[in-house]
C-alpha atoms as a PDB file:
ATOM      1  CA  UNK A   1      42.433-154.581  10.082  1.00  0.00           C
ATOM      2  CA  UNK A   2      40.953-152.481  12.875  1.00  0.00           C
ATOM      3  CA  UNK A   3      43.049-152.434  16.007  1.00  0.00           C
ATOM      4  CA  UNK A   4      44.228-150.449  18.988  1.00  0.00           C
ATOM      5  CA  UNK A   5      47.766-150.085  20.255  1.00  0.00           C
ATOM      6  CA  UNK A   6      47.843-149.137  23.916  1.00  0.00           C
ATOM      7  CA  UNK A   7      50.556-147.441  25.911  1.00  0.00           C
ATOM      8  CA  UNK A   8      51.087-145.395  29.026  1.00  0.00           C
ATOM      9  CA  UNK A   9      50.769-147.817  31.907  1.00  0.00           C
ATOM     10  CA  UNK A  10      53.296-148.241  34.676  1.00  0.00           C
ATOM     11  CA  UNK A  11      54.041-147.830  38.355  1.00  0.00           C
ATOM     12  CA  UNK A  12      52.837-144.685  40.088  1.00  0.00           C
ATOM     13  CA  UNK A  13      52.561-143.610  43.696  1.00  0.00           C
ATOM     14  CA  UNK A  14      49.183-142.953  45.293  1.00  0.00           C
ATOM     15  CA  UNK A  15      48.048-139.460  44.437  1.00  0.00           C
ATOM     16  CA  UNK A  16      49.974-139.488  41.180  1.00  0.00           C
ATOM     17  CA  UNK A  17      48.799-139.324  37.584  1.00  0.00           C
ATOM     18  CA  UNK A  18      49.078-141.378  34.446  1.00  0.00           C
ATOM     19  CA  UNK A  19      47.766-140.960  30.935  1.00  0.00           C
ATOM     20  CA  UNK A  20      46.899-144.020  28.922  1.00  0.00           C
ATOM     21  CA  UNK A  21      46.782-143.869  25.135  1.00  0.00           C
ATOM     22  CA  UNK A  22      45.029-146.010  22.569  1.00  0.00           C
ATOM     23  CA  UNK A  23      46.072-145.359  19.002  1.00  0.00           C
ATOM     24  CA  UNK A  24      43.517-146.638  16.527  1.00  0.00           C
ATOM     25  CA  UNK A  25      44.376-147.953  13.099  1.00  0.00           C
ATOM     26  CA  UNK A  26      42.216-149.376  10.358  1.00  0.00           C
ATOM     27  CA  UNK A  27      39.164-147.370  11.382  1.00  0.00           C
ATOM     28  CA  UNK A  28      38.082-143.806  12.115  1.00  0.00           C
ATOM     29  CA  UNK A  29      37.902-143.527  15.870  1.00  0.00           C
ATOM     30  CA  UNK A  30      35.624-140.510  15.678  1.00  0.00           C
ATOM     31  CA  UNK A  31      32.847-142.695  14.268  1.00  0.00           C
ATOM     32  CA  UNK A  32      32.961-145.109  17.204  1.00  0.00           C
ATOM     33  CA  UNK A  33      31.769-145.086  20.775  1.00  0.00           C
ATOM     34  CA  UNK A  34      34.641-145.749  23.159  1.00  0.00           C
ATOM     35  CA  UNK A  35      34.836-147.613  26.408  1.00  0.00           C
ATOM     36  CA  UNK A  36      37.547-148.095  28.993  1.00  0.00           C
ATOM     37  CA  UNK A  37      37.646-151.194  31.168  1.00  0.00           C
ATOM     38  CA  UNK A  38      39.933-152.509  33.847  1.00  0.00           C
ATOM     39  CA  UNK A  39      40.545-155.695  35.724  1.00  0.00           C
ATOM     40  CA  UNK A  40      42.251-155.802  39.086  1.00  0.00           C
ATOM     41  CA  UNK A  41      44.181-158.918  40.091  1.00  0.00           C
ATOM     42  CA  UNK A  42      41.795-161.631  41.198  1.00  0.00           C
ATOM     43  CA  UNK A  43      38.721-159.510  40.546  1.00  0.00           C
ATOM     44  CA  UNK A  44      36.053-159.246  37.901  1.00  0.00           C
ATOM     45  CA  UNK A  45      36.416-156.643  35.142  1.00  0.00           C
ATOM     46  CA  UNK A  46      34.924-153.182  35.661  1.00  0.00           C
ATOM     47  CA  UNK A  47      33.574-150.725  33.162  1.00  0.00           C
ATOM     48  CA  UNK A  48      35.275-147.374  33.768  1.00  0.00           C
ATOM     49  CA  UNK A  49      33.738-145.146  31.138  1.00  0.00           C
ATOM     50  CA  UNK A  50      31.739-144.945  27.955  1.00  0.00           C
ATOM     51  CA  UNK A  51      31.965-142.113  25.440  1.00  0.00           C
ATOM     52  CA  UNK A  52      29.445-141.336  22.749  1.00  0.00           C
ATOM     53  CA  UNK A  53      30.704-140.743  19.212  1.00  0.00           C
ATOM     54  CA  UNK A  54      27.827-138.406  18.351  1.00  0.00           C
ATOM     55  CA  UNK A  55      28.371-135.772  21.041  1.00  0.00           C
ATOM     56  CA  UNK A  56      31.559-136.846  22.778  1.00  0.00           C
ATOM     57  CA  UNK A  57      29.816-137.080  26.124  1.00  0.00           C
ATOM     58  CA  UNK A  58      31.454-139.452  28.584  1.00  0.00           C
ATOM     59  CA  UNK A  59      29.975-141.378  31.468  1.00  0.00           C
ATOM     60  CA  UNK A  60      32.132-142.642  34.306  1.00  0.00           C
ATOM     61  CA  UNK A  61      31.828-145.196  37.043  1.00  0.00           C
ATOM     62  CA  UNK A  62      31.290-143.551  40.404  1.00  0.00           C
ATOM     63  CA  UNK A  63      34.650-144.468  41.880  1.00  0.00           C
ATOM     64  CA  UNK A  64      36.589-142.585  39.165  1.00  0.00           C
ATOM     65  CA  UNK A  65      34.340-139.558  38.645  1.00  0.00           C
ATOM     66  CA  UNK A  66      36.286-136.359  39.042  1.00  0.00           C
ATOM     67  CA  UNK A  67      39.604-138.191  38.781  1.00  0.00           C
ATOM     68  CA  UNK A  68      39.552-139.819  35.324  1.00  0.00           C
ATOM     69  CA  UNK A  69      38.932-138.027  32.030  1.00  0.00           C
ATOM     70  CA  UNK A  70      38.518-139.439  28.535  1.00  0.00           C
ATOM     71  CA  UNK A  71      39.608-137.320  25.600  1.00  0.00           C
ATOM     72  CA  UNK A  72      39.798-137.894  21.881  1.00  0.00           C
ATOM     73  CA  UNK A  73      42.342-136.525  19.432  1.00  0.00           C
ATOM     74  CA  UNK A  74      40.671-137.041  16.087  1.00  0.00           C
ATOM     75  CA  UNK A  75      43.689-135.824  14.138  1.00  0.00           C
ATOM     76  CA  UNK A  76      45.862-138.482  15.777  1.00  0.00           C
ATOM     77  CA  UNK A  77      43.049-141.074  15.824  1.00  0.00           C
ATOM     78  CA  UNK A  78      43.860-141.578  19.485  1.00  0.00           C
ATOM     79  CA  UNK A  79      41.850-141.769  22.670  1.00  0.00           C
ATOM     80  CA  UNK A  80      43.339-140.950  26.050  1.00  0.00           C
ATOM     81  CA  UNK A  81      42.437-141.803  29.601  1.00  0.00           C
ATOM     82  CA  UNK A  82      43.865-139.195  31.963  1.00  0.00           C
ATOM     83  CA  UNK A  83      43.971-140.580  35.485  1.00  0.00           C
ATOM     84  CA  UNK A  84      44.632-138.227  38.390  1.00  0.00           C
ATOM     85  CA  UNK A  85      44.779-138.713  42.144  1.00  0.00           C
ATOM     86  CA  UNK A  86      45.336-142.409  41.627  1.00  0.00           C
ATOM     87  CA  UNK A  87      44.585-144.804  44.450  1.00  0.00           C
ATOM     88  CA  UNK A  88      45.886-148.313  45.157  1.00  0.00           C
ATOM     89  CA  UNK A  89      42.455-149.686  44.268  1.00  0.00           C
ATOM     90  CA  UNK A  90      42.921-148.316  40.737  1.00  0.00           C
ATOM     91  CA  UNK A  91      45.572-150.968  40.149  1.00  0.00           C
ATOM     92  CA  UNK A  92      44.737-153.266  37.266  1.00  0.00           C
ATOM     93  CA  UNK A  93      44.998-153.974  33.572  1.00  0.00           C
ATOM     94  CA  UNK A  94      43.314-151.229  31.596  1.00  0.00           C
ATOM     95  CA  UNK A  95      41.853-151.771  28.143  1.00  0.00           C
ATOM     96  CA  UNK A  96      40.203-149.503  25.637  1.00  0.00           C
ATOM     97  CA  UNK A  97      37.449-150.707  23.337  1.00  0.00           C
ATOM     98  CA  UNK A  98      35.324-149.292  20.550  1.00  0.00           C
ATOM     99  CA  UNK A  99      32.091-150.096  18.820  1.00  0.00           C
ATOM    100  CA  UNK A 100      29.949-148.287  16.305  1.00  0.00           C
ATOM    101  CA  UNK A 101      26.944-148.746  18.582  1.00  0.00           C
ATOM    102  CA  UNK A 102      27.095-146.630  21.741  1.00  0.00           C
ATOM    103  CA  UNK A 103      24.447-148.896  23.234  1.00  0.00           C
ATOM    104  CA  UNK A 104      26.868-151.825  23.093  1.00  0.00           C
ATOM    105  CA  UNK A 105      29.619-149.884  24.844  1.00  0.00           C
ATOM    106  CA  UNK A 106      27.273-148.479  27.448  1.00  0.00           C
ATOM    107  CA  UNK A 107      25.746-151.893  28.142  1.00  0.00           C
ATOM    108  CA  UNK A 108      29.166-153.493  28.517  1.00  0.00           C
ATOM    109  CA  UNK A 109      30.276-150.744  30.868  1.00  0.00           C
ATOM    110  CA  UNK A 110      27.198-150.842  33.079  1.00  0.00           C
ATOM    111  CA  UNK A 111      26.094-154.451  32.980  1.00  0.00           C
ATOM    112  CA  UNK A 112      28.705-156.797  31.550  1.00  0.00           C
ATOM    113  CA  UNK A 113      32.258-155.442  31.603  1.00  0.00           C
ATOM    114  CA  UNK A 114      33.666-158.915  31.091  1.00  0.00           C
ATOM    115  CA  UNK A 115      32.105-158.839  27.617  1.00  0.00           C
ATOM    116  CA  UNK A 116      34.118-155.853  26.402  1.00  0.00           C
ATOM    117  CA  UNK A 117      36.018-158.159  24.042  1.00  0.00           C
ATOM    118  CA  UNK A 118      32.731-158.694  22.218  1.00  0.00           C
ATOM    119  CA  UNK A 119      32.910-155.067  21.129  1.00  0.00           C
ATOM    120  CA  UNK A 120      34.227-154.484  17.642  1.00  0.00           C
ATOM    121  CA  UNK A 121      37.746-153.415  18.571  1.00  0.00           C
ATOM    122  CA  UNK A 122      39.689-153.620  21.819  1.00  0.00           C
ATOM    123  CA  UNK A 123      43.208-152.945  22.983  1.00  0.00           C
ATOM    124  CA  UNK A 124      45.686-155.445  24.350  1.00  0.00           C
ATOM    125  CA  UNK A 125      45.592-153.968  27.832  1.00  0.00           C
ATOM    126  CA  UNK A 126      48.191-152.096  29.832  1.00  0.00           C
ATOM    127  CA  UNK A 127      49.086-152.535  33.486  1.00  0.00           C
ATOM    128  CA  UNK A 128      48.626-149.706  35.950  1.00  0.00           C
ATOM    129  CA  UNK A 129      50.170-150.293  39.360  1.00  0.00           C
ATOM    130  CA  UNK A 130      49.430-147.747  42.066  1.00  0.00           C
ATOM    131  CA  UNK A 131      51.715-148.418  44.972  1.00  0.00           C
ATOM    132  CA  UNK A 132      54.062-146.656  47.351  1.00  0.00           C
END
């Protein structure tokens, strides 16, 4: 069964950093496009990033560009979201997701983040709380 196990969330002060991990099992993560999504309390989900399986290129939402970085460790079958210079507005539940079709991930990120659970595999979500 294909699944993700997420970890790495927690409480961090503004300006701090966190790294989220999604360990994949039951499928080869390198063959899948990857997306990261988040949902702040009381708000609609947002698509943070989409990463192509073919060339590893990542696209980010404007508000996290230059602060968030997606990386893939193929040997560990794990994808990471490195988050630096965190802001209170980054608070939310973060989820990773994967699909063999990059188009599906990209579309979810840009147009319908709430539909990320329609992608082939998604993580259970982890809470990131940016607060002083």
